[in-house]
C-alpha atoms as a PDB file:
ATOM      1  CA  MET A   1     -36.191  62.177 125.409  1.00  0.00           C
ATOM      2  CA  THR A   2     -39.319  62.158 123.393  1.00  0.00           C
ATOM      3  CA  GLU A   3     -41.937  64.781 123.964  1.00  0.00           C
ATOM      4  CA  GLU A   4     -45.548  63.758 124.085  1.00  0.00           C
ATOM      5  CA  PRO A   5     -48.079  66.191 122.697  1.00  0.00           C
ATOM      6  CA  ASN A   6     -50.050  67.992 125.334  1.00  0.00           C
ATOM      7  CA  LYS A   7     -53.280  66.076 125.981  1.00  0.00           C
ATOM      8  CA  ASN A   8     -55.173  69.285 126.827  1.00  0.00           C
ATOM      9  CA  GLU A   9     -54.695  70.787 123.366  1.00  0.00           C
ATOM     10  CA  THR A  10     -57.644  70.378 121.060  1.00  0.00           C
ATOM     11  CA  PRO A  11     -56.850  69.653 117.429  1.00  0.00           C
ATOM     12  CA  LEU A  12     -57.475  72.479 114.977  1.00  0.00           C
ATOM     13  CA  PRO A  13     -60.711  72.075 113.036  1.00  0.00           C
ATOM     14  CA  GLU A  14     -60.247  71.252 109.383  1.00  0.00           C
ATOM     15  CA  LYS A  15     -61.708  73.268 106.539  1.00  0.00           C
ATOM     16  CA  LEU A  16     -64.917  71.770 105.185  1.00  0.00           C
ATOM     17  CA  LEU A  17     -64.943  71.067 101.460  1.00  0.00           C
ATOM     18  CA  ILE A  18     -68.678  71.231 100.836  1.00  0.00           C
ATOM     19  CA  ASP A  19     -68.856  73.849  98.084  1.00  0.00           C
ATOM     20  CA  GLU A  20     -71.832  73.744  95.695  1.00  0.00           C
ATOM     21  CA  GLN A  21     -70.996  75.623  92.515  1.00  0.00           C
ATOM     22  CA  THR A  22     -74.527  75.235  91.153  1.00  0.00           C
ATOM     23  CA  ASN A  23     -76.106  77.028  94.144  1.00  0.00           C
ATOM     24  CA  PHE A  24     -74.876  80.629  93.762  1.00  0.00           C
ATOM     25  CA  PRO A  25     -75.873  82.026  97.206  1.00  0.00           C
ATOM     26  CA  PHE A  26     -74.245  79.069  98.956  1.00  0.00           C
ATOM     27  CA  HIS A  27     -71.178  79.260  96.710  1.00  0.00           C
ATOM     28  CA  ALA A  28     -70.732  82.969  97.552  1.00  0.00           C
ATOM     29  CA  ALA A  29     -71.108  82.218 101.265  1.00  0.00           C
ATOM     30  CA  TYR A  30     -68.607  79.360 100.960  1.00  0.00           C
ATOM     31  CA  LEU A  31     -66.038  81.690  99.360  1.00  0.00           C
ATOM     32  CA  VAL A  32     -66.404  84.094 102.291  1.00  0.00           C
ATOM     33  CA  TYR A  33     -66.155  81.161 104.718  1.00  0.00           C
ATOM     34  CA  SER A  34     -63.065  79.843 102.973  1.00  0.00           C
ATOM     35  CA  GLU A  35     -61.237  83.180 103.109  1.00  0.00           C
ATOM     36  CA  LEU A  36     -62.109  83.713 106.775  1.00  0.00           C
ATOM     37  CA  PHE A  37     -61.167  80.151 107.687  1.00  0.00           C
ATOM     38  CA  ASP A  38     -57.752  80.510 106.025  1.00  0.00           C
ATOM     39  CA  ASN A  39     -57.066  83.767 107.888  1.00  0.00           C
ATOM     40  CA  ALA A  40     -58.436  82.638 111.276  1.00  0.00           C
ATOM     41  CA  THR A  41     -55.861  81.896 113.962  1.00  0.00           C
ATOM     42  CA  TYR A  42     -57.987  80.585 116.827  1.00  0.00           C
ATOM     43  CA  ALA A  43     -59.537  77.125 116.941  1.00  0.00           C
ATOM     44  CA  GLU A  44     -62.759  78.581 118.378  1.00  0.00           C
ATOM     45  CA  ALA A  45     -63.146  80.899 115.383  1.00  0.00           C
ATOM     46  CA  LYS A  46     -62.581  78.047 112.936  1.00  0.00           C
ATOM     47  CA  ALA A  47     -65.059  75.824 114.790  1.00  0.00           C
ATOM     48  CA  ASP A  48     -67.652  78.627 114.771  1.00  0.00           C
ATOM     49  CA  LEU A  49     -67.173  79.131 111.027  1.00  0.00           C
ATOM     50  CA  ASN A  50     -67.563  75.370 110.463  1.00  0.00           C
ATOM     51  CA  ARG A  51     -70.798  75.297 112.487  1.00  0.00           C
ATOM     52  CA  ASN A  52     -72.253  78.201 110.529  1.00  0.00           C
ATOM     53  CA  ILE A  53     -71.416  76.832 107.058  1.00  0.00           C
ATOM     54  CA  GLU A  54     -72.773  73.407 108.020  1.00  0.00           C
ATOM     55  CA  ALA A  55     -76.009  74.969 109.259  1.00  0.00           C
ATOM     56  CA  LEU A  56     -76.310  76.909 106.004  1.00  0.00           C
ATOM     57  CA  LYS A  57     -75.682  73.765 103.968  1.00  0.00           C
ATOM     58  CA  GLU A  58     -78.369  71.856 105.881  1.00  0.00           C
ATOM     59  CA  ASN A  59     -80.830  74.790 105.523  1.00  0.00           C
ATOM     60  CA  ARG A  60     -81.075  75.290 109.299  1.00  0.00           C
ATOM     61  CA  ILE A  61     -80.212  78.974 108.774  1.00  0.00           C
ATOM     62  CA  ASP A  62     -80.567  81.278 105.784  1.00  0.00           C
ATOM     63  CA  CYS A  63     -77.844  83.343 104.082  1.00  0.00           C
ATOM     64  CA  GLU A  64     -78.742  86.508 105.985  1.00  0.00           C
ATOM     65  CA  THR A  65     -78.337  84.738 109.319  1.00  0.00           C
ATOM     66  CA  PHE A  66     -75.061  83.181 108.155  1.00  0.00           C
ATOM     67  CA  TYR A  67     -73.573  86.577 107.291  1.00  0.00           C
ATOM     68  CA  ARG A  68     -74.869  88.052 110.553  1.00  0.00           C
ATOM     69  CA  ASN A  69     -73.268  85.208 112.523  1.00  0.00           C
ATOM     70  CA  ILE A  70     -69.852  85.581 110.890  1.00  0.00           C
ATOM     71  CA  ALA A  71     -69.818  89.404 110.815  1.00  0.00           C
ATOM     72  CA  HIS A  72     -67.558  89.683 113.853  1.00  0.00           C
ATOM     73  CA  HIS A  73     -65.019  87.350 112.195  1.00  0.00           C
ATOM     74  CA  ARG A  74     -65.033  89.576 109.115  1.00  0.00           C
ATOM     75  CA  ARG A  75     -64.326  92.675 111.212  1.00  0.00           C
ATOM     76  CA  MET A  76     -61.402  90.964 112.952  1.00  0.00           C
ATOM     77  CA  SER A  77     -59.921  89.734 109.675  1.00  0.00           C
ATOM     78  CA  PRO A  78     -56.635  91.437 108.716  1.00  0.00           C
ATOM     79  CA  ASN A  79     -57.858  91.743 105.122  1.00  0.00           C
ATOM     80  CA  SER A  80     -60.938  93.780 105.962  1.00  0.00           C
ATOM     81  CA  ARG A  81     -61.833  96.195 103.188  1.00  0.00           C
ATOM     82  CA  GLN A  82     -63.243  99.040 105.214  1.00  0.00           C
ATOM     83  CA  GLY A  83     -61.191 101.811 103.634  1.00  0.00           C
ATOM     84  CA  ARG A  84     -62.325 104.338 101.079  1.00  0.00           C
ATOM     85  CA  PHE A  85     -62.250 103.575  97.416  1.00  0.00           C
ATOM     86  CA  SER A  86     -62.332 105.709  94.331  1.00  0.00           C
ATOM     87  CA  LEU A  87     -64.717 105.238  91.454  1.00  0.00           C
ATOM     88  CA  GLN A  88     -64.365 107.178  88.240  1.00  0.00           C
ATOM     89  CA  THR A  89     -67.477 107.983  86.293  1.00  0.00           C
ATOM     90  CA  GLN A  90     -68.130 109.666  83.002  1.00  0.00           C
ATOM     91  CA  ARG A  91     -71.114 110.801  81.035  1.00  0.00           C
ATOM     92  CA  LYS A  92     -72.540 108.474  78.436  1.00  0.00           C
ATOM     93  CA  ARG A  93     -71.791 110.980  75.676  1.00  0.00           C
ATOM     94  CA  ASP A  94     -68.115 111.182  76.724  1.00  0.00           C
ATOM     95  CA  TRP A  95     -67.866 107.403  76.848  1.00  0.00           C
ATOM     96  CA  ARG A  96     -69.363 107.095  73.343  1.00  0.00           C
ATOM     97  CA  LYS A  97     -66.948 109.693  71.932  1.00  0.00           C
ATOM     98  CA  LYS A  98     -63.992 107.904  73.485  1.00  0.00           C
ATOM     99  CA  THR A  99     -65.159 104.495  72.243  1.00  0.00           C
ATOM    100  CA  GLN A 100     -65.818 105.771  68.701  1.00  0.00           C
ATOM    101  CA  ARG A 101     -62.397 107.424  68.586  1.00  0.00           C
ATOM    102  CA  GLN A 102     -60.667 104.213  69.737  1.00  0.00           C
ATOM    103  CA  GLU A 103     -62.578 102.162  67.150  1.00  0.00           C
ATOM    104  CA  ARG A 104     -61.731 104.645  64.400  1.00  0.00           C
ATOM    105  CA  ILE A 105     -58.024 104.498  65.282  1.00  0.00           C
ATOM    106  CA  LYS A 106     -58.106 100.702  65.411  1.00  0.00           C
ATOM    107  CA  ARG A 107     -59.920 100.490  62.077  1.00  0.00           C
ATOM    108  CA  HIS A 108     -57.386 102.690  60.267  1.00  0.00           C
ATOM    109  CA  LYS A 109     -54.298 101.067  61.801  1.00  0.00           C
ATOM    110  CA  LYS A 110     -54.703  97.951  59.644  1.00  0.00           C
END
């Protein structure tokens, strides 16, 4: 008894390897595409991501349109970073004092 694969199933789209490291805006968009493609579970989502990155590569759309087109995939992603974050700040004078103290300790430890 051998099972034949279902003929109605469409094969999953493959990830496109068209990264251009010399073109920074495209490289940044490709990194976003790559992360979303790896986390996508539906074939339609992967196909949509492929269409958008190909259009960006061929200059049919610009970066702003690319990000607008994939925004709904980013919201559905399990790794979405929409939580709060904390950022510590300090005055320049405090930073200088801290840095000078660390340098003085390092200099005299020798």
